[in-house]
Protein backbone atom coordinates (compact mmCIF):
# COMPACT_ATOMS: atom_id res chain seq x y z
CA GLN A 1 0.00 0.00 0.00
CA LEU A 2 0.90 3.66 -0.33
CA VAL A 3 0.21 6.19 2.42
CA GLU A 4 0.68 9.92 1.77
CA SER A 5 1.22 12.54 4.45
CA GLY A 6 2.21 16.17 4.74
CA GLY A 7 -0.69 17.98 3.15
CA GLY A 8 -2.32 21.03 4.69
CA LEU A 9 -3.01 24.72 4.32
CA VAL A 10 -0.24 27.00 3.12
CA GLN A 11 -0.12 30.60 1.96
CA PRO A 12 0.84 31.46 -1.61
CA GLY A 13 4.62 31.47 -1.90
CA GLY A 14 4.97 28.97 0.92
CA SER A 15 6.34 25.43 0.97
CA LEU A 16 5.12 21.97 1.86
CA SER A 17 6.81 18.60 1.83
CA LEU A 18 4.76 15.50 1.01
CA SER A 19 5.79 11.97 1.87
CA CYS A 20 4.51 8.64 0.62
CA ALA A 21 5.37 5.50 2.57
CA ALA A 22 5.23 2.25 0.60
CA SER A 23 4.77 -1.28 1.81
CA GLY A 24 3.86 -4.69 0.46
CA PHE A 25 5.93 -4.60 -2.72
CA THR A 26 9.54 -4.22 -3.80
CA PHE A 27 9.62 -0.42 -3.74
CA SER A 28 13.12 -0.15 -5.22
CA SER A 29 12.02 -1.90 -8.40
CA TYR A 30 9.41 0.64 -9.49
CA ALA A 31 9.24 4.16 -10.80
CA MET A 32 7.07 6.34 -8.58
CA HIS A 33 4.73 9.14 -9.57
CA TRP A 34 2.97 12.05 -7.93
CA PHE A 35 -0.37 13.07 -9.41
CA ARG A 36 -2.82 15.73 -8.35
CA GLN A 37 -6.49 16.44 -8.93
CA ALA A 38 -7.86 19.92 -8.46
CA PRO A 39 -11.57 20.52 -7.80
CA GLY A 40 -13.53 20.06 -11.01
CA LYS A 41 -10.48 19.05 -13.02
CA GLU A 42 -8.97 15.83 -14.28
CA ARG A 43 -6.12 14.12 -12.51
CA GLU A 44 -2.74 15.20 -13.85
CA LEU A 45 0.78 13.88 -13.54
CA VAL A 46 2.96 16.23 -11.49
CA ALA A 47 6.28 14.39 -11.36
CA PHE A 48 7.85 11.00 -11.58
CA ILE A 49 11.15 9.43 -10.60
CA THR A 50 12.78 6.27 -11.87
CA SER A 51 13.46 3.32 -9.59
CA THR A 52 17.11 4.28 -9.09
CA SER A 53 16.53 8.06 -9.02
CA SER A 54 18.54 8.31 -12.24
CA SER A 55 15.90 10.49 -13.86
CA THR A 56 13.08 12.80 -12.84
CA THR A 57 10.39 14.49 -14.89
CA TYR A 58 8.01 17.33 -14.03
CA THR A 59 4.97 18.85 -15.59
CA LYS A 60 5.76 22.28 -16.98
CA SER A 61 3.72 24.21 -14.44
CA VAL A 62 5.78 22.97 -11.47
CA LYS A 63 9.23 22.76 -13.01
CA GLY A 64 11.76 24.67 -10.92
CA ARG A 65 9.45 24.77 -7.89
CA PHE A 66 8.79 21.11 -7.05
CA THR A 67 11.36 18.39 -6.38
CA ILE A 68 10.66 14.66 -6.35
CA SER A 69 13.03 12.32 -4.53
CA ARG A 70 13.03 8.88 -2.97
CA ASP A 71 14.73 6.83 -0.30
CA ASN A 72 14.70 3.18 -1.34
CA GLY A 73 16.06 2.13 2.03
CA LYS A 74 12.98 3.61 3.70
CA SER A 75 10.55 2.77 0.86
CA THR A 76 9.46 6.39 0.73
CA VAL A 77 8.99 8.93 -2.05
CA PHE A 78 8.89 12.67 -1.39
CA LEU A 79 7.59 15.77 -3.11
CA GLN A 80 9.08 19.07 -1.98
CA MET A 81 6.85 21.92 -3.12
CA ASP A 82 8.19 25.46 -2.99
CA ASN A 83 6.71 28.78 -4.07
CA LEU A 84 3.24 27.28 -4.07
CA LYS A 85 0.53 29.01 -6.06
CA PRO A 86 -3.26 28.97 -5.50
CA GLU A 87 -3.66 26.76 -8.57
CA GLY A 88 -1.67 24.13 -6.69
CA THR A 89 -4.71 23.46 -4.52
CA ALA A 90 -5.54 19.80 -5.10
CA VAL A 91 -5.52 16.33 -3.69
CA TYR A 92 -2.05 14.91 -4.25
CA TYR A 93 -1.61 11.18 -4.84
CA CYS A 94 1.45 9.03 -5.03
CA ALA A 95 1.30 6.04 -7.31
CA ALA A 96 3.19 3.08 -8.63
CA PRO A 97 1.44 2.76 -12.00
CA GLY A 98 3.53 -0.25 -12.91
CA ILE A 99 1.52 -2.29 -10.43
CA ASN A 100 -1.60 -0.07 -10.48
CA LEU A 101 -1.12 0.95 -6.86
CA TRP A 102 -2.39 4.32 -5.61
CA GLY A 103 -2.44 6.09 -2.30
CA GLN A 104 -5.53 7.63 -0.74
CA GLY A 105 -4.36 11.17 -1.39
CA THR A 106 -3.50 14.17 0.77
CA LEU A 107 -5.14 17.57 0.41
CA VAL A 108 -3.01 20.63 -0.26
CA THR A 109 -4.73 24.00 -0.03
CA VAL A 110 -2.89 27.12 -1.13
CA SER A 111 -4.74 30.17 0.10
CA SER A 112 -4.24 33.38 2.00
């Protein structure tokens, strides 16, 4: 399973760090993704990281502000979000699409 944490309310320009703890599968063998779904919008891919952290990819709107990383020893993937904007308000999900495994999501609200 995947369990996200770290969501909450933050002011525009602020930062949050999300974590996703994995269990029940060989975490180090799979690429990991962060998705988000804003109210009334479709789910979108925010970032992903390969199994060995050799490569990361970000959607254009978060590039330079968000950082995805992982600790295979702790079976955890992270999303550091800096300079958050109101349009970043969404439920954020971690996922291992290779085995169709999704977390329950954590709500991030960016508002003054």
